[in-house]
Amino acid sequence: LTAKEKKQRSLEIEKIISCLPLEFR
């Protein structure tokens, strides 16, 4: 992945984890 794609994927992963229970956040 390029640096831009890595950044977008990291943001998407962070957005998904923020919706999970506290032990995963």
mmCIF file of all heavy atoms, coordinates in Angstrom:
data_MODEL
# 
_entry.id   MODEL 
# 
loop_
_atom_site.group_PDB 
_atom_site.id 
_atom_site.type_symbol 
_atom_site.label_atom_id 
_atom_site.label_alt_id 
_atom_site.label_comp_id 
_atom_site.label_asym_id 
_atom_site.label_entity_id 
_atom_site.label_seq_id 
_atom_site.pdbx_PDB_ins_code 
_atom_site.Cartn_x 
_atom_site.Cartn_y 
_atom_site.Cartn_z 
_atom_site.occupancy 
_atom_site.B_iso_or_equiv 
_atom_site.pdbx_formal_charge 
_atom_site.auth_seq_id 
_atom_site.auth_comp_id 
_atom_site.auth_asym_id 
_atom_site.auth_atom_id 
_atom_site.pdbx_PDB_model_num 
ATOM 1   N N   . LEU A 1 1  ? 0.838   -1.188 0.000  1.00 0.00 ? 1  LEU A N   1 
ATOM 2   C CA  . LEU A 1 1  ? 0.000   0.000  0.000  1.00 0.00 ? 1  LEU A CA  1 
ATOM 3   C C   . LEU A 1 1  ? 0.874   1.237  0.000  1.00 0.00 ? 1  LEU A C   1 
ATOM 4   O O   . LEU A 1 1  ? 1.984   1.256  0.541  1.00 0.00 ? 1  LEU A O   1 
ATOM 5   C CB  . LEU A 1 1  ? -0.907  0.012  1.229  1.00 0.00 ? 1  LEU A CB  1 
ATOM 6   C CG  . LEU A 1 1  ? -1.858  -1.170 1.393  1.00 0.00 ? 1  LEU A CG  1 
ATOM 7   C CD1 . LEU A 1 1  ? -2.636  -1.041 2.681  1.00 0.00 ? 1  LEU A CD1 1 
ATOM 8   C CD2 . LEU A 1 1  ? -2.814  -1.265 0.204  1.00 0.00 ? 1  LEU A CD2 1 
ATOM 9   N N   . THR A 1 2  ? 0.343   2.274  -0.607 1.00 0.00 ? 2  THR A N   1 
ATOM 10  C CA  . THR A 1 2  ? 1.033   3.557  -0.567 1.00 0.00 ? 2  THR A CA  1 
ATOM 11  C C   . THR A 1 2  ? 0.811   4.216  0.800  1.00 0.00 ? 2  THR A C   1 
ATOM 12  O O   . THR A 1 2  ? 0.003   3.753  1.611  1.00 0.00 ? 2  THR A O   1 
ATOM 13  C CB  . THR A 1 2  ? 0.512   4.460  -1.678 1.00 0.00 ? 2  THR A CB  1 
ATOM 14  O OG1 . THR A 1 2  ? -0.892  4.701  -1.463 1.00 0.00 ? 2  THR A OG1 1 
ATOM 15  C CG2 . THR A 1 2  ? 0.712   3.813  -3.042 1.00 0.00 ? 2  THR A CG2 1 
ATOM 16  N N   . ALA A 1 3  ? 1.532   5.289  1.021  1.00 0.00 ? 3  ALA A N   1 
ATOM 17  C CA  . ALA A 1 3  ? 1.402   5.990  2.303  1.00 0.00 ? 3  ALA A CA  1 
ATOM 18  C C   . ALA A 1 3  ? -0.008  6.539  2.485  1.00 0.00 ? 3  ALA A C   1 
ATOM 19  O O   . ALA A 1 3  ? -0.577  6.495  3.581  1.00 0.00 ? 3  ALA A O   1 
ATOM 20  C CB  . ALA A 1 3  ? 2.426   7.128  2.373  1.00 0.00 ? 3  ALA A CB  1 
ATOM 21  N N   . LYS A 1 4  ? -0.618  7.038  1.401  1.00 0.00 ? 4  LYS A N   1 
ATOM 22  C CA  . LYS A 1 4  ? -1.976  7.569  1.482  1.00 0.00 ? 4  LYS A CA  1 
ATOM 23  C C   . LYS A 1 4  ? -2.970  6.465  1.787  1.00 0.00 ? 4  LYS A C   1 
ATOM 24  O O   . LYS A 1 4  ? -3.878  6.631  2.611  1.00 0.00 ? 4  LYS A O   1 
ATOM 25  C CB  . LYS A 1 4  ? -2.324  8.269  0.178  1.00 0.00 ? 4  LYS A CB  1 
ATOM 26  C CG  . LYS A 1 4  ? -3.692  8.928  0.184  1.00 0.00 ? 4  LYS A CG  1 
ATOM 27  C CD  . LYS A 1 4  ? -3.961  9.655  -1.116 1.00 0.00 ? 4  LYS A CD  1 
ATOM 28  C CE  . LYS A 1 4  ? -5.329  10.325 -1.091 1.00 0.00 ? 4  LYS A CE  1 
ATOM 29  N NZ  . LYS A 1 4  ? -5.616  11.035 -2.363 1.00 0.00 ? 4  LYS A NZ  1 
ATOM 30  N N   . GLU A 1 5  ? -2.792  5.309  1.123  1.00 0.00 ? 5  GLU A N   1 
ATOM 31  C CA  . GLU A 1 5  ? -3.698  4.181  1.382  1.00 0.00 ? 5  GLU A CA  1 
ATOM 32  C C   . GLU A 1 5  ? -3.541  3.662  2.802  1.00 0.00 ? 5  GLU A C   1 
ATOM 33  O O   . GLU A 1 5  ? -4.529  3.289  3.449  1.00 0.00 ? 5  GLU A O   1 
ATOM 34  C CB  . GLU A 1 5  ? -3.421  3.065  0.369  1.00 0.00 ? 5  GLU A CB  1 
ATOM 35  C CG  . GLU A 1 5  ? -3.818  3.426  -1.055 1.00 0.00 ? 5  GLU A CG  1 
ATOM 36  C CD  . GLU A 1 5  ? -3.420  2.355  -2.045 1.00 0.00 ? 5  GLU A CD  1 
ATOM 37  O OE1 . GLU A 1 5  ? -2.610  1.472  -1.672 1.00 0.00 ? 5  GLU A OE1 1 
ATOM 38  O OE2 . GLU A 1 5  ? -3.917  2.387  -3.175 1.00 0.00 ? 5  GLU A OE2 1 
ATOM 39  N N   . LYS A 1 6  ? -2.299  3.623  3.304  1.00 0.00 ? 6  LYS A N   1 
ATOM 40  C CA  . LYS A 1 6  ? -2.088  3.195  4.694  1.00 0.00 ? 6  LYS A CA  1 
ATOM 41  C C   . LYS A 1 6  ? -2.777  4.139  5.667  1.00 0.00 ? 6  LYS A C   1 
ATOM 42  O O   . LYS A 1 6  ? -3.392  3.700  6.642  1.00 0.00 ? 6  LYS A O   1 
ATOM 43  C CB  . LYS A 1 6  ? -0.595  3.140  4.992  1.00 0.00 ? 6  LYS A CB  1 
ATOM 44  C CG  . LYS A 1 6  ? 0.138   1.989  4.310  1.00 0.00 ? 6  LYS A CG  1 
ATOM 45  C CD  . LYS A 1 6  ? 1.613   2.001  4.702  1.00 0.00 ? 6  LYS A CD  1 
ATOM 46  C CE  . LYS A 1 6  ? 2.360   0.849  4.032  1.00 0.00 ? 6  LYS A CE  1 
ATOM 47  N NZ  . LYS A 1 6  ? 3.800   0.855  4.383  1.00 0.00 ? 6  LYS A NZ  1 
ATOM 48  N N   . LYS A 1 7  ? -2.693  5.440  5.397  1.00 0.00 ? 7  LYS A N   1 
ATOM 49  C CA  . LYS A 1 7  ? -3.334  6.412  6.272  1.00 0.00 ? 7  LYS A CA  1 
ATOM 50  C C   . LYS A 1 7  ? -4.849  6.253  6.248  1.00 0.00 ? 7  LYS A C   1 
ATOM 51  O O   . LYS A 1 7  ? -5.510  6.276  7.291  1.00 0.00 ? 7  LYS A O   1 
ATOM 52  C CB  . LYS A 1 7  ? -2.937  7.822  5.853  1.00 0.00 ? 7  LYS A CB  1 
ATOM 53  C CG  . LYS A 1 7  ? -3.456  8.908  6.781  1.00 0.00 ? 7  LYS A CG  1 
ATOM 54  C CD  . LYS A 1 7  ? -2.948  10.264 6.361  1.00 0.00 ? 7  LYS A CD  1 
ATOM 55  C CE  . LYS A 1 7  ? -3.448  11.336 7.319  1.00 0.00 ? 7  LYS A CE  1 
ATOM 56  N NZ  . LYS A 1 7  ? -2.951  12.691 6.918  1.00 0.00 ? 7  LYS A NZ  1 
ATOM 57  N N   . GLN A 1 8  ? -5.416  6.065  5.048  1.00 0.00 ? 8  GLN A N   1 
ATOM 58  C CA  . GLN A 1 8  ? -6.867  5.879  4.944  1.00 0.00 ? 8  GLN A CA  1 
ATOM 59  C C   . GLN A 1 8  ? -7.315  4.603  5.652  1.00 0.00 ? 8  GLN A C   1 
ATOM 60  O O   . GLN A 1 8  ? -8.335  4.582  6.336  1.00 0.00 ? 8  GLN A O   1 
ATOM 61  C CB  . GLN A 1 8  ? -7.267  5.844  3.472  1.00 0.00 ? 8  GLN A CB  1 
ATOM 62  C CG  . GLN A 1 8  ? -7.115  7.172  2.761  1.00 0.00 ? 8  GLN A CG  1 
ATOM 63  C CD  . GLN A 1 8  ? -7.485  7.083  1.295  1.00 0.00 ? 8  GLN A CD  1 
ATOM 64  O OE1 . GLN A 1 8  ? -7.731  5.997  0.769  1.00 0.00 ? 8  GLN A OE1 1 
ATOM 65  N NE2 . GLN A 1 8  ? -7.501  8.235  0.611  1.00 0.00 ? 8  GLN A NE2 1 
ATOM 66  N N   . ARG A 1 9  ? -6.515  3.533  5.488  1.00 0.00 ? 9  ARG A N   1 
ATOM 67  C CA  . ARG A 1 9  ? -6.881  2.288  6.155  1.00 0.00 ? 9  ARG A CA  1 
ATOM 68  C C   . ARG A 1 9  ? -6.793  2.437  7.673  1.00 0.00 ? 9  ARG A C   1 
ATOM 69  O O   . ARG A 1 9  ? -7.642  1.912  8.405  1.00 0.00 ? 9  ARG A O   1 
ATOM 70  C CB  . ARG A 1 9  ? -5.974  1.163  5.671  1.00 0.00 ? 9  ARG A CB  1 
ATOM 71  C CG  . ARG A 1 9  ? -6.245  -0.171 6.362  1.00 0.00 ? 9  ARG A CG  1 
ATOM 72  C CD  . ARG A 1 9  ? -5.607  -1.337 5.650  1.00 0.00 ? 9  ARG A CD  1 
ATOM 73  N NE  . ARG A 1 9  ? -6.254  -1.592 4.360  1.00 0.00 ? 9  ARG A NE  1 
ATOM 74  C CZ  . ARG A 1 9  ? -5.983  -2.637 3.592  1.00 0.00 ? 9  ARG A CZ  1 
ATOM 75  N NH1 . ARG A 1 9  ? -5.051  -3.502 3.968  1.00 0.00 ? 9  ARG A NH1 1 
ATOM 76  N NH2 . ARG A 1 9  ? -6.606  -2.797 2.458  1.00 0.00 ? 9  ARG A NH2 1 
ATOM 77  N N   . SER A 1 10 ? -5.771  3.133  8.156  1.00 0.00 ? 10 SER A N   1 
ATOM 78  C CA  . SER A 1 10 ? -5.646  3.346  9.600  1.00 0.00 ? 10 SER A CA  1 
ATOM 79  C C   . SER A 1 10 ? -6.835  4.128  10.143 1.00 0.00 ? 10 SER A C   1 
ATOM 80  O O   . SER A 1 10 ? -7.380  3.810  11.206 1.00 0.00 ? 10 SER A O   1 
ATOM 81  C CB  . SER A 1 10 ? -4.342  4.074  9.915  1.00 0.00 ? 10 SER A CB  1 
ATOM 82  O OG  . SER A 1 10 ? -3.225  3.316  9.498  1.00 0.00 ? 10 SER A OG  1 
ATOM 83  N N   . LEU A 1 11 ? -7.268  5.147  9.405  1.00 0.00 ? 11 LEU A N   1 
ATOM 84  C CA  . LEU A 1 11 ? -8.431  5.925  9.844  1.00 0.00 ? 11 LEU A CA  1 
ATOM 85  C C   . LEU A 1 11 ? -9.692  5.073  9.859  1.00 0.00 ? 11 LEU A C   1 
ATOM 86  O O   . LEU A 1 11 ? -10.527 5.174  10.767 1.00 0.00 ? 11 LEU A O   1 
ATOM 87  C CB  . LEU A 1 11 ? -8.615  7.138  8.928  1.00 0.00 ? 11 LEU A CB  1 
ATOM 88  C CG  . LEU A 1 11 ? -7.524  8.216  9.005  1.00 0.00 ? 11 LEU A CG  1 
ATOM 89  C CD1 . LEU A 1 11 ? -7.770  9.300  7.959  1.00 0.00 ? 11 LEU A CD1 1 
ATOM 90  C CD2 . LEU A 1 11 ? -7.471  8.824  10.388 1.00 0.00 ? 11 LEU A CD2 1 
ATOM 91  N N   . GLU A 1 12 ? -9.843  4.224  8.846  1.00 0.00 ? 12 GLU A N   1 
ATOM 92  C CA  . GLU A 1 12 ? -11.027 3.361  8.792  1.00 0.00 ? 12 GLU A CA  1 
ATOM 93  C C   . GLU A 1 12 ? -11.019 2.347  9.921  1.00 0.00 ? 12 GLU A C   1 
ATOM 94  O O   . GLU A 1 12 ? -12.052 2.082  10.544 1.00 0.00 ? 12 GLU A O   1 
ATOM 95  C CB  . GLU A 1 12 ? -11.081 2.657  7.439  1.00 0.00 ? 12 GLU A CB  1 
ATOM 96  C CG  . GLU A 1 12 ? -12.376 1.866  7.214  1.00 0.00 ? 12 GLU A CG  1 
ATOM 97  C CD  . GLU A 1 12 ? -12.454 1.292  5.814  1.00 0.00 ? 12 GLU A CD  1 
ATOM 98  O OE1 . GLU A 1 12 ? -11.525 1.544  5.020  1.00 0.00 ? 12 GLU A OE1 1 
ATOM 99  O OE2 . GLU A 1 12 ? -13.443 0.598  5.531  1.00 0.00 ? 12 GLU A OE2 1 
ATOM 100 N N   . ILE A 1 13 ? -9.837  1.778  10.205 1.00 0.00 ? 13 ILE A N   1 
ATOM 101 C CA  . ILE A 1 13 ? -9.738  0.823  11.314 1.00 0.00 ? 13 ILE A CA  1 
ATOM 102 C C   . ILE A 1 13 ? -10.047 1.513  12.636 1.00 0.00 ? 13 ILE A C   1 
ATOM 103 O O   . ILE A 1 13 ? -10.755 0.971  13.494 1.00 0.00 ? 13 ILE A O   1 
ATOM 104 C CB  . ILE A 1 13 ? -8.331  0.180  11.331 1.00 0.00 ? 13 ILE A CB  1 
ATOM 105 C CG1 . ILE A 1 13 ? -8.154  -0.729 10.106 1.00 0.00 ? 13 ILE A CG1 1 
ATOM 106 C CG2 . ILE A 1 13 ? -8.116  -0.616 12.612 1.00 0.00 ? 13 ILE A CG2 1 
ATOM 107 C CD1 . ILE A 1 13 ? -6.752  -1.304 9.981  1.00 0.00 ? 13 ILE A CD1 1 
ATOM 108 N N   . GLU A 1 14 ? -9.526  2.739  12.823 1.00 0.00 ? 14 GLU A N   1 
ATOM 109 C CA  . GLU A 1 14 ? -9.792  3.492  14.051 1.00 0.00 ? 14 GLU A CA  1 
ATOM 110 C C   . GLU A 1 14 ? -11.279 3.798  14.186 1.00 0.00 ? 14 GLU A C   1 
ATOM 111 O O   . GLU A 1 14 ? -11.839 3.736  15.291 1.00 0.00 ? 14 GLU A O   1 
ATOM 112 C CB  . GLU A 1 14 ? -8.992  4.791  14.030 1.00 0.00 ? 14 GLU A CB  1 
ATOM 113 C CG  . GLU A 1 14 ? -9.126  5.630  15.283 1.00 0.00 ? 14 GLU A CG  1 
ATOM 114 C CD  . GLU A 1 14 ? -8.517  4.962  16.494 1.00 0.00 ? 14 GLU A CD  1 
ATOM 115 O OE1 . GLU A 1 14 ? -7.598  4.127  16.312 1.00 0.00 ? 14 GLU A OE1 1 
ATOM 116 O OE2 . GLU A 1 14 ? -8.976  5.258  17.614 1.00 0.00 ? 14 GLU A OE2 1 
ATOM 117 N N   . LYS A 1 15 ? -11.935 4.103  13.087 1.00 0.00 ? 15 LYS A N   1 
ATOM 118 C CA  . LYS A 1 15 ? -13.373 4.377  13.120 1.00 0.00 ? 15 LYS A CA  1 
ATOM 119 C C   . LYS A 1 15 ? -14.163 3.134  13.506 1.00 0.00 ? 15 LYS A C   1 
ATOM 120 O O   . LYS A 1 15 ? -15.145 3.207  14.255 1.00 0.00 ? 15 LYS A O   1 
ATOM 121 C CB  . LYS A 1 15 ? -13.811 4.896  11.747 1.00 0.00 ? 15 LYS A CB  1 
ATOM 122 C CG  . LYS A 1 15 ? -15.272 5.301  11.677 1.00 0.00 ? 15 LYS A CG  1 
ATOM 123 C CD  . LYS A 1 15 ? -15.604 5.844  10.305 1.00 0.00 ? 15 LYS A CD  1 
ATOM 124 C CE  . LYS A 1 15 ? -17.075 6.249  10.219 1.00 0.00 ? 15 LYS A CE  1 
ATOM 125 N NZ  . LYS A 1 15 ? -17.425 6.747  8.864  1.00 0.00 ? 15 LYS A NZ  1 
ATOM 126 N N   . ILE A 1 16 ? -13.744 1.982  13.015 1.00 0.00 ? 16 ILE A N   1 
ATOM 127 C CA  . ILE A 1 16 ? -14.448 0.735  13.344 1.00 0.00 ? 16 ILE A CA  1 
ATOM 128 C C   . ILE A 1 16 ? -14.230 0.376  14.812 1.00 0.00 ? 16 ILE A C   1 
ATOM 129 O O   . ILE A 1 16 ? -15.170 -0.004 15.522 1.00 0.00 ? 16 ILE A O   1 
ATOM 130 C CB  . ILE A 1 16 ? -13.962 -0.397 12.422 1.00 0.00 ? 16 ILE A CB  1 
ATOM 131 C CG1 . ILE A 1 16 ? -14.372 -0.114 10.973 1.00 0.00 ? 16 ILE A CG1 1 
ATOM 132 C CG2 . ILE A 1 16 ? -14.524 -1.738 12.870 1.00 0.00 ? 16 ILE A CG2 1 
ATOM 133 C CD1 . ILE A 1 16 ? -13.762 -1.059 9.968  1.00 0.00 ? 16 ILE A CD1 1 
ATOM 134 N N   . ILE A 1 17 ? -12.994 0.526  15.301 1.00 0.00 ? 17 ILE A N   1 
ATOM 135 C CA  . ILE A 1 17 ? -12.698 0.164  16.693 1.00 0.00 ? 17 ILE A CA  1 
ATOM 136 C C   . ILE A 1 17 ? -13.438 1.081  17.663 1.00 0.00 ? 17 ILE A C   1 
ATOM 137 O O   . ILE A 1 17 ? -13.840 0.657  18.756 1.00 0.00 ? 17 ILE A O   1 
ATOM 138 C CB  . ILE A 1 17 ? -11.176 0.209  16.927 1.00 0.00 ? 17 ILE A CB  1 
ATOM 139 C CG1 . ILE A 1 17 ? -10.499 -0.943 16.168 1.00 0.00 ? 17 ILE A CG1 1 
ATOM 140 C CG2 . ILE A 1 17 ? -10.834 0.116  18.409 1.00 0.00 ? 17 ILE A CG2 1 
ATOM 141 C CD1 . ILE A 1 17 ? -9.004  -0.990 16.316 1.00 0.00 ? 17 ILE A CD1 1 
ATOM 142 N N   . SER A 1 18 ? -13.647 2.333  17.284 1.00 0.00 ? 18 SER A N   1 
ATOM 143 C CA  . SER A 1 18 ? -14.366 3.255  18.165 1.00 0.00 ? 18 SER A CA  1 
ATOM 144 C C   . SER A 1 18 ? -15.816 2.845  18.382 1.00 0.00 ? 18 SER A C   1 
ATOM 145 O O   . SER A 1 18 ? -16.456 3.313  19.319 1.00 0.00 ? 18 SER A O   1 
ATOM 146 C CB  . SER A 1 18 ? -14.308 4.671  17.589 1.00 0.00 ? 18 SER A CB  1 
ATOM 147 O OG  . SER A 1 18 ? -14.962 4.721  16.330 1.00 0.00 ? 18 SER A OG  1 
ATOM 148 N N   . CYS A 1 19 ? -16.350 1.978  17.517 1.00 0.00 ? 19 CYS A N   1 
ATOM 149 C CA  . CYS A 1 19 ? -17.728 1.507  17.651 1.00 0.00 ? 19 CYS A CA  1 
ATOM 150 C C   . CYS A 1 19 ? -17.815 0.207  18.443 1.00 0.00 ? 19 CYS A C   1 
ATOM 151 O O   . CYS A 1 19 ? -18.924 -0.291 18.686 1.00 0.00 ? 19 CYS A O   1 
ATOM 152 C CB  . CYS A 1 19 ? -18.365 1.305  16.280 1.00 0.00 ? 19 CYS A CB  1 
ATOM 153 S SG  . CYS A 1 19 ? -18.397 2.787  15.250 1.00 0.00 ? 19 CYS A SG  1 
ATOM 154 N N   . LEU A 1 20 ? -16.678 -0.372 18.817 1.00 0.00 ? 20 LEU A N   1 
ATOM 155 C CA  . LEU A 1 20 ? -16.662 -1.649 19.517 1.00 0.00 ? 20 LEU A CA  1 
ATOM 156 C C   . LEU A 1 20 ? -16.704 -1.438 21.023 1.00 0.00 ? 20 LEU A C   1 
ATOM 157 O O   . LEU A 1 20 ? -16.581 -0.307 21.503 1.00 0.00 ? 20 LEU A O   1 
ATOM 158 C CB  . LEU A 1 20 ? -15.399 -2.423 19.119 1.00 0.00 ? 20 LEU A CB  1 
ATOM 159 C CG  . LEU A 1 20 ? -15.295 -2.796 17.632 1.00 0.00 ? 20 LEU A CG  1 
ATOM 160 C CD1 . LEU A 1 20 ? -13.980 -3.498 17.358 1.00 0.00 ? 20 LEU A CD1 1 
ATOM 161 C CD2 . LEU A 1 20 ? -16.466 -3.666 17.192 1.00 0.00 ? 20 LEU A CD2 1 
ATOM 162 N N   . PRO A 1 21 ? -16.885 -2.499 21.813 1.00 0.00 ? 21 PRO A N   1 
ATOM 163 C CA  . PRO A 1 21 ? -16.894 -2.357 23.276 1.00 0.00 ? 21 PRO A CA  1 
ATOM 164 C C   . PRO A 1 21 ? -15.595 -1.780 23.812 1.00 0.00 ? 21 PRO A C   1 
ATOM 165 O O   . PRO A 1 21 ? -14.578 -1.693 23.116 1.00 0.00 ? 21 PRO A O   1 
ATOM 166 C CB  . PRO A 1 21 ? -17.117 -3.799 23.764 1.00 0.00 ? 21 PRO A CB  1 
ATOM 167 C CG  . PRO A 1 21 ? -17.831 -4.471 22.633 1.00 0.00 ? 21 PRO A CG  1 
ATOM 168 C CD  . PRO A 1 21 ? -17.284 -3.852 21.391 1.00 0.00 ? 21 PRO A CD  1 
ATOM 169 N N   . LEU A 1 22 ? -15.627 -1.381 25.105 1.00 0.00 ? 22 LEU A N   1 
ATOM 170 C CA  . LEU A 1 22 ? -14.516 -0.662 25.717 1.00 0.00 ? 22 LEU A CA  1 
ATOM 171 C C   . LEU A 1 22 ? -13.237 -1.482 25.736 1.00 0.00 ? 22 LEU A C   1 
ATOM 172 O O   . LEU A 1 22 ? -12.147 -0.933 25.559 1.00 0.00 ? 22 LEU A O   1 
ATOM 173 C CB  . LEU A 1 22 ? -14.890 -0.264 27.151 1.00 0.00 ? 22 LEU A CB  1 
ATOM 174 C CG  . LEU A 1 22 ? -13.826 0.485  27.954 1.00 0.00 ? 22 LEU A CG  1 
ATOM 175 C CD1 . LEU A 1 22 ? -13.473 1.791  27.265 1.00 0.00 ? 22 LEU A CD1 1 
ATOM 176 C CD2 . LEU A 1 22 ? -14.309 0.740  29.371 1.00 0.00 ? 22 LEU A CD2 1 
ATOM 177 N N   . GLU A 1 23 ? -13.321 -2.809 25.926 1.00 0.00 ? 23 GLU A N   1 
ATOM 178 C CA  . GLU A 1 23 ? -12.108 -3.610 26.030 1.00 0.00 ? 23 GLU A CA  1 
ATOM 179 C C   . GLU A 1 23 ? -11.315 -3.612 24.726 1.00 0.00 ? 23 GLU A C   1 
ATOM 180 O O   . GLU A 1 23 ? -10.094 -3.803 24.732 1.00 0.00 ? 23 GLU A O   1 
ATOM 181 C CB  . GLU A 1 23 ? -12.467 -5.040 26.418 1.00 0.00 ? 23 GLU A CB  1 
ATOM 182 C CG  . GLU A 1 23 ? -13.444 -5.711 25.449 1.00 0.00 ? 23 GLU A CG  1 
ATOM 183 C CD  . GLU A 1 23 ? -13.773 -7.124 25.876 1.00 0.00 ? 23 GLU A CD  1 
ATOM 184 O OE1 . GLU A 1 23 ? -13.013 -7.683 26.685 1.00 0.00 ? 23 GLU A OE1 1 
ATOM 185 O OE2 . GLU A 1 23 ? -14.799 -7.680 25.413 1.00 0.00 ? 23 GLU A OE2 1 
ATOM 186 N N   . PHE A 1 24 ? -11.984 -3.368 23.587 1.00 0.00 ? 24 PHE A N   1 
ATOM 187 C CA  . PHE A 1 24 ? -11.287 -3.303 22.309 1.00 0.00 ? 24 PHE A CA  1 
ATOM 188 C C   . PHE A 1 24 ? -10.814 -1.889 21.972 1.00 0.00 ? 24 PHE A C   1 
ATOM 189 O O   . PHE A 1 24 ? -10.029 -1.711 21.051 1.00 0.00 ? 24 PHE A O   1 
ATOM 190 C CB  . PHE A 1 24 ? -12.205 -3.794 21.176 1.00 0.00 ? 24 PHE A CB  1 
ATOM 191 C CG  . PHE A 1 24 ? -12.621 -5.222 21.318 1.00 0.00 ? 24 PHE A CG  1 
ATOM 192 C CD1 . PHE A 1 24 ? -13.857 -5.549 21.853 1.00 0.00 ? 24 PHE A CD1 1 
ATOM 193 C CD2 . PHE A 1 24 ? -11.776 -6.257 20.947 1.00 0.00 ? 24 PHE A CD2 1 
ATOM 194 C CE1 . PHE A 1 24 ? -14.254 -6.865 21.985 1.00 0.00 ? 24 PHE A CE1 1 
ATOM 195 C CE2 . PHE A 1 24 ? -12.166 -7.574 21.073 1.00 0.00 ? 24 PHE A CE2 1 
ATOM 196 C CZ  . PHE A 1 24 ? -13.399 -7.881 21.597 1.00 0.00 ? 24 PHE A CZ  1 
ATOM 197 N N   . ARG A 1 25 ? -11.290 -0.877 22.728 1.00 0.00 ? 25 ARG A N   1 
ATOM 198 C CA  . ARG A 1 25 ? -10.937 0.507  22.414 1.00 0.00 ? 25 ARG A CA  1 
ATOM 199 C C   . ARG A 1 25 ? -9.732  1.003  23.184 1.00 0.00 ? 25 ARG A C   1 
ATOM 200 O O   . ARG A 1 25 ? -9.411  2.175  23.103 1.00 0.00 ? 25 ARG A O   1 
ATOM 201 C CB  . ARG A 1 25 ? -12.127 1.428  22.698 1.00 0.00 ? 25 ARG A CB  1 
ATOM 202 C CG  . ARG A 1 25 ? -13.358 1.132  21.876 1.00 0.00 ? 25 ARG A CG  1 
ATOM 203 C CD  . ARG A 1 25 ? -14.283 2.327  21.831 1.00 0.00 ? 25 ARG A CD  1 
ATOM 204 N NE  . ARG A 1 25 ? -14.659 2.811  23.131 1.00 0.00 ? 25 ARG A NE  1 
ATOM 205 C CZ  . ARG A 1 25 ? -15.762 2.459  23.770 1.00 0.00 ? 25 ARG A CZ  1 
ATOM 206 N NH1 . ARG A 1 25 ? -16.593 1.583  23.215 1.00 0.00 ? 25 ARG A NH1 1 
ATOM 207 N NH2 . ARG A 1 25 ? -16.039 2.941  24.958 1.00 0.00 ? 25 ARG A NH2 1 
# 
